[in-house]
């Protein structure tokens, strides 16, 4: 991970460290043997649950009309949709330069193309599971991404 996306991941991981829960294991998949194109950025695991998270950095999405999902590759979309449709805990975390983050997960990722073409940023904010890195870290700690 380089650049702003890597900084976003680091920010969430710092929040995880502040929770002082050593039972949350995480592995960045860009260095994992056998990972392929489309595999989410980070794998998280805690007792009885796991979670795959794809991180995206968008400098400023607050003034956009549509959710900025164009940064997802075809392989990333296919991976997340397949996992969501198979009942695998997965999430998309979009962060911006102002420190906001939007977490969409599981059911919300079953049809990303439809989501991209129909969901406004305002509606996405209403549906978001969290809007700050600390909230995202708490969700990851529990590996629970349902409301």
C-alpha atoms as a PDB file:
ATOM      1  CA  UNK A   1       0.000   0.000   0.000  1.00  0.00           C
ATOM      2  CA  UNK A   2       1.377   3.384  -0.944  1.00  0.00           C
ATOM      3  CA  UNK A   3       0.076   6.891  -0.804  1.00  0.00           C
ATOM      4  CA  UNK A   4      -3.222   8.047   0.574  1.00  0.00           C
ATOM      5  CA  UNK A   5      -4.899   4.639   0.553  1.00  0.00           C
ATOM      6  CA  UNK A   6      -2.070   3.252   2.678  1.00  0.00           C
ATOM      7  CA  UNK A   7      -2.414   6.204   5.062  1.00  0.00           C
ATOM      8  CA  UNK A   8      -6.132   5.497   5.351  1.00  0.00           C
ATOM      9  CA  UNK A   9      -5.441   1.858   6.257  1.00  0.00           C
ATOM     10  CA  UNK A  10      -2.820   2.983   8.791  1.00  0.00           C
ATOM     11  CA  UNK A  11      -5.303   5.419  10.353  1.00  0.00           C
ATOM     12  CA  UNK A  12      -7.881   2.652  10.883  1.00  0.00           C
ATOM     13  CA  UNK A  13      -5.162   0.312  12.208  1.00  0.00           C
ATOM     14  CA  UNK A  14      -4.019   2.986  14.696  1.00  0.00           C
ATOM     15  CA  UNK A  15      -7.586   3.174  15.945  1.00  0.00           C
ATOM     16  CA  UNK A  16      -7.622  -0.620  16.238  1.00  0.00           C
ATOM     17  CA  UNK A  17      -4.406  -0.485  18.301  1.00  0.00           C
ATOM     18  CA  UNK A  18      -5.984   2.075  20.643  1.00  0.00           C
ATOM     19  CA  UNK A  19      -8.729  -0.442  21.396  1.00  0.00           C
ATOM     20  CA  UNK A  20      -6.004  -2.625  22.919  1.00  0.00           C
ATOM     21  CA  UNK A  21      -7.509  -5.857  21.715  1.00  0.00           C
ATOM     22  CA  UNK A  22      -4.682  -8.196  20.729  1.00  0.00           C
ATOM     23  CA  UNK A  23      -7.129 -10.785  19.403  1.00  0.00           C
ATOM     24  CA  UNK A  24      -7.741  -8.867  16.149  1.00  0.00           C
ATOM     25  CA  UNK A  25      -5.377 -10.311  13.554  1.00  0.00           C
ATOM     26  CA  UNK A  26      -4.906  -8.457  10.289  1.00  0.00           C
ATOM     27  CA  UNK A  27      -2.895  -9.063   7.158  1.00  0.00           C
ATOM     28  CA  UNK A  28      -2.400  -6.742   4.199  1.00  0.00           C
ATOM     29  CA  UNK A  29      -3.082  -8.853   1.159  1.00  0.00           C
ATOM     30  CA  UNK A  30      -0.768  -7.054  -1.240  1.00  0.00           C
ATOM     31  CA  UNK A  31       2.065  -9.062   0.296  1.00  0.00           C
ATOM     32  CA  UNK A  32       0.203 -12.315   0.810  1.00  0.00           C
ATOM     33  CA  UNK A  33       1.362 -15.327  -1.178  1.00  0.00           C
ATOM     34  CA  UNK A  34      -1.364 -16.547  -3.466  1.00  0.00           C
ATOM     35  CA  UNK A  35      -3.417 -13.351  -3.412  1.00  0.00           C
ATOM     36  CA  UNK A  36      -4.763 -12.441  -6.835  1.00  0.00           C
ATOM     37  CA  UNK A  37      -6.073  -9.358  -8.565  1.00  0.00           C
ATOM     38  CA  UNK A  38      -9.285  -8.260  -6.906  1.00  0.00           C
ATOM     39  CA  UNK A  39      -8.503  -9.657  -3.450  1.00  0.00           C
ATOM     40  CA  UNK A  40      -9.448  -6.962  -0.894  1.00  0.00           C
ATOM     41  CA  UNK A  41      -6.665  -4.937   0.711  1.00  0.00           C
ATOM     42  CA  UNK A  42      -6.838  -6.337   4.246  1.00  0.00           C
ATOM     43  CA  UNK A  43      -8.030  -9.550   5.899  1.00  0.00           C
ATOM     44  CA  UNK A  44      -9.164  -9.290   9.547  1.00  0.00           C
ATOM     45  CA  UNK A  45      -9.843 -12.132  11.934  1.00  0.00           C
ATOM     46  CA  UNK A  46     -11.103 -12.352  15.485  1.00  0.00           C
ATOM     47  CA  UNK A  47     -12.521 -15.235  17.463  1.00  0.00           C
ATOM     48  CA  UNK A  48     -15.325 -16.787  15.470  1.00  0.00           C
ATOM     49  CA  UNK A  49     -15.385 -14.268  12.642  1.00  0.00           C
ATOM     50  CA  UNK A  50     -13.407 -12.831   9.761  1.00  0.00           C
ATOM     51  CA  UNK A  51     -13.733  -9.832   7.495  1.00  0.00           C
ATOM     52  CA  UNK A  52     -12.281  -8.738   4.153  1.00  0.00           C
ATOM     53  CA  UNK A  53     -12.004  -4.979   3.554  1.00  0.00           C
ATOM     54  CA  UNK A  54     -11.297  -3.126   0.327  1.00  0.00           C
ATOM     55  CA  UNK A  55     -10.072   0.421   1.039  1.00  0.00           C
ATOM     56  CA  UNK A  56     -10.485   3.315  -1.391  1.00  0.00           C
ATOM     57  CA  UNK A  57      -9.259   6.873  -0.958  1.00  0.00           C
ATOM     58  CA  UNK A  58     -11.134   9.680  -2.700  1.00  0.00           C
ATOM     59  CA  UNK A  59      -9.756  13.169  -1.900  1.00  0.00           C
ATOM     60  CA  UNK A  60     -13.203  14.731  -1.519  1.00  0.00           C
ATOM     61  CA  UNK A  61     -16.398  12.814  -2.155  1.00  0.00           C
ATOM     62  CA  UNK A  62     -18.634  14.972   0.042  1.00  0.00           C
ATOM     63  CA  UNK A  63     -19.587  17.277  -2.836  1.00  0.00           C
ATOM     64  CA  UNK A  64     -20.153  14.533  -5.408  1.00  0.00           C
ATOM     65  CA  UNK A  65     -23.654  13.540  -6.471  1.00  0.00           C
ATOM     66  CA  UNK A  66     -22.951   9.848  -7.018  1.00  0.00           C
ATOM     67  CA  UNK A  67     -20.964   7.457  -4.876  1.00  0.00           C
ATOM     68  CA  UNK A  68     -17.348   7.420  -6.164  1.00  0.00           C
ATOM     69  CA  UNK A  69     -16.941   3.725  -6.952  1.00  0.00           C
ATOM     70  CA  UNK A  70     -15.173   4.188 -10.277  1.00  0.00           C
ATOM     71  CA  UNK A  71     -11.831   3.476  -8.550  1.00  0.00           C
ATOM     72  CA  UNK A  72     -12.793  -0.185  -8.124  1.00  0.00           C
ATOM     73  CA  UNK A  73     -11.368  -2.531 -10.734  1.00  0.00           C
ATOM     74  CA  UNK A  74     -13.495  -5.146 -12.482  1.00  0.00           C
ATOM     75  CA  UNK A  75     -11.738  -7.844 -10.412  1.00  0.00           C
ATOM     76  CA  UNK A  76     -12.411  -6.008  -7.138  1.00  0.00           C
ATOM     77  CA  UNK A  77     -16.100  -5.615  -7.983  1.00  0.00           C
ATOM     78  CA  UNK A  78     -16.361  -9.289  -8.938  1.00  0.00           C
ATOM     79  CA  UNK A  79     -14.583 -10.405  -5.740  1.00  0.00           C
ATOM     80  CA  UNK A  80     -16.743  -8.281  -3.412  1.00  0.00           C
ATOM     81  CA  UNK A  81     -20.004  -9.180  -5.158  1.00  0.00           C
ATOM     82  CA  UNK A  82     -19.181 -12.900  -5.124  1.00  0.00           C
ATOM     83  CA  UNK A  83     -18.223 -12.833  -1.448  1.00  0.00           C
ATOM     84  CA  UNK A  84     -21.305 -10.828  -0.442  1.00  0.00           C
ATOM     85  CA  UNK A  85     -23.587 -13.167  -2.373  1.00  0.00           C
ATOM     86  CA  UNK A  86     -21.911 -16.169  -0.695  1.00  0.00           C
ATOM     87  CA  UNK A  87     -22.453 -14.754   2.799  1.00  0.00           C
ATOM     88  CA  UNK A  88     -18.801 -13.828   3.417  1.00  0.00           C
ATOM     89  CA  UNK A  89     -18.192 -10.836   5.718  1.00  0.00           C
ATOM     90  CA  UNK A  90     -16.776  -8.131   3.424  1.00  0.00           C
ATOM     91  CA  UNK A  91     -16.741  -4.358   3.281  1.00  0.00           C
ATOM     92  CA  UNK A  92     -15.771  -1.394   1.169  1.00  0.00           C
ATOM     93  CA  UNK A  93     -14.320   1.524   3.131  1.00  0.00           C
ATOM     94  CA  UNK A  94     -14.073   4.832   1.280  1.00  0.00           C
ATOM     95  CA  UNK A  95     -12.064   7.552   3.021  1.00  0.00           C
ATOM     96  CA  UNK A  96     -11.391  11.183   2.194  1.00  0.00           C
ATOM     97  CA  UNK A  97      -8.896  13.921   3.044  1.00  0.00           C
ATOM     98  CA  UNK A  98     -11.198  15.349   5.728  1.00  0.00           C
ATOM     99  CA  UNK A  99     -11.008  12.163   7.793  1.00  0.00           C
ATOM    100  CA  UNK A 100     -14.465  10.913   6.891  1.00  0.00           C
ATOM    101  CA  UNK A 101     -15.037   7.337   5.931  1.00  0.00           C
ATOM    102  CA  UNK A 102     -17.974   5.464   4.550  1.00  0.00           C
ATOM    103  CA  UNK A 103     -18.314   1.743   5.182  1.00  0.00           C
ATOM    104  CA  UNK A 104     -20.585  -0.307   2.973  1.00  0.00           C
ATOM    105  CA  UNK A 105     -20.826  -3.996   3.747  1.00  0.00           C
ATOM    106  CA  UNK A 106     -22.325  -7.379   3.002  1.00  0.00           C
ATOM    107  CA  UNK A 107     -25.878  -6.892   1.656  1.00  0.00           C
ATOM    108  CA  UNK A 108     -24.941  -3.474   0.284  1.00  0.00           C
ATOM    109  CA  UNK A 109     -22.224  -5.048  -1.888  1.00  0.00           C
ATOM    110  CA  UNK A 110     -24.282  -7.738  -3.617  1.00  0.00           C
ATOM    111  CA  UNK A 111     -24.702  -5.587  -6.750  1.00  0.00           C
ATOM    112  CA  UNK A 112     -22.029  -2.889  -6.827  1.00  0.00           C
ATOM    113  CA  UNK A 113     -22.801  -1.784 -10.389  1.00  0.00           C
ATOM    114  CA  UNK A 114     -26.410  -1.029  -9.447  1.00  0.00           C
ATOM    115  CA  UNK A 115     -25.222   0.658  -6.259  1.00  0.00           C
ATOM    116  CA  UNK A 116     -22.815   2.841  -8.245  1.00  0.00           C
ATOM    117  CA  UNK A 117     -25.443   3.984 -10.731  1.00  0.00           C
ATOM    118  CA  UNK A 118     -28.288   4.570  -8.280  1.00  0.00           C
ATOM    119  CA  UNK A 119     -26.893   5.583  -4.891  1.00  0.00           C
ATOM    120  CA  UNK A 120     -26.241   9.242  -4.190  1.00  0.00           C
ATOM    121  CA  UNK A 121     -23.556  10.302  -1.730  1.00  0.00           C
ATOM    122  CA  UNK A 122     -26.234  11.647   0.639  1.00  0.00           C
ATOM    123  CA  UNK A 123     -28.123   8.334   0.576  1.00  0.00           C
ATOM    124  CA  UNK A 124     -24.858   6.418   1.026  1.00  0.00           C
ATOM    125  CA  UNK A 125     -24.070   8.499   4.120  1.00  0.00           C
ATOM    126  CA  UNK A 126     -27.475   7.564   5.558  1.00  0.00           C
ATOM    127  CA  UNK A 127     -26.859   3.861   4.881  1.00  0.00           C
ATOM    128  CA  UNK A 128     -23.233   3.894   5.997  1.00  0.00           C
ATOM    129  CA  UNK A 129     -22.281   1.708   8.915  1.00  0.00           C
ATOM    130  CA  UNK A 130     -19.752   4.259  10.107  1.00  0.00           C
ATOM    131  CA  UNK A 131     -18.413   7.639   9.129  1.00  0.00           C
ATOM    132  CA  UNK A 132     -15.156   7.963  11.095  1.00  0.00           C
ATOM    133  CA  UNK A 133     -12.047   5.732  11.303  1.00  0.00           C
ATOM    134  CA  UNK A 134     -12.688   5.064  15.002  1.00  0.00           C
ATOM    135  CA  UNK A 135     -16.172   3.698  14.237  1.00  0.00           C
ATOM    136  CA  UNK A 136     -14.732   1.577  11.455  1.00  0.00           C
ATOM    137  CA  UNK A 137     -12.101   0.187  13.841  1.00  0.00           C
ATOM    138  CA  UNK A 138     -14.785  -0.751  16.367  1.00  0.00           C
ATOM    139  CA  UNK A 139     -16.707  -2.606  13.648  1.00  0.00           C
ATOM    140  CA  UNK A 140     -13.559  -4.382  12.522  1.00  0.00           C
ATOM    141  CA  UNK A 141     -12.692  -5.324  16.108  1.00  0.00           C
ATOM    142  CA  UNK A 142     -15.999  -7.116  16.417  1.00  0.00           C
ATOM    143  CA  UNK A 143     -15.870  -8.261  12.775  1.00  0.00           C
ATOM    144  CA  UNK A 144     -19.535  -7.401  12.759  1.00  0.00           C
ATOM    145  CA  UNK A 145     -20.801  -5.360   9.867  1.00  0.00           C
ATOM    146  CA  UNK A 146     -24.544  -5.553  10.222  1.00  0.00           C
ATOM    147  CA  UNK A 147     -26.556  -2.732  11.727  1.00  0.00           C
END
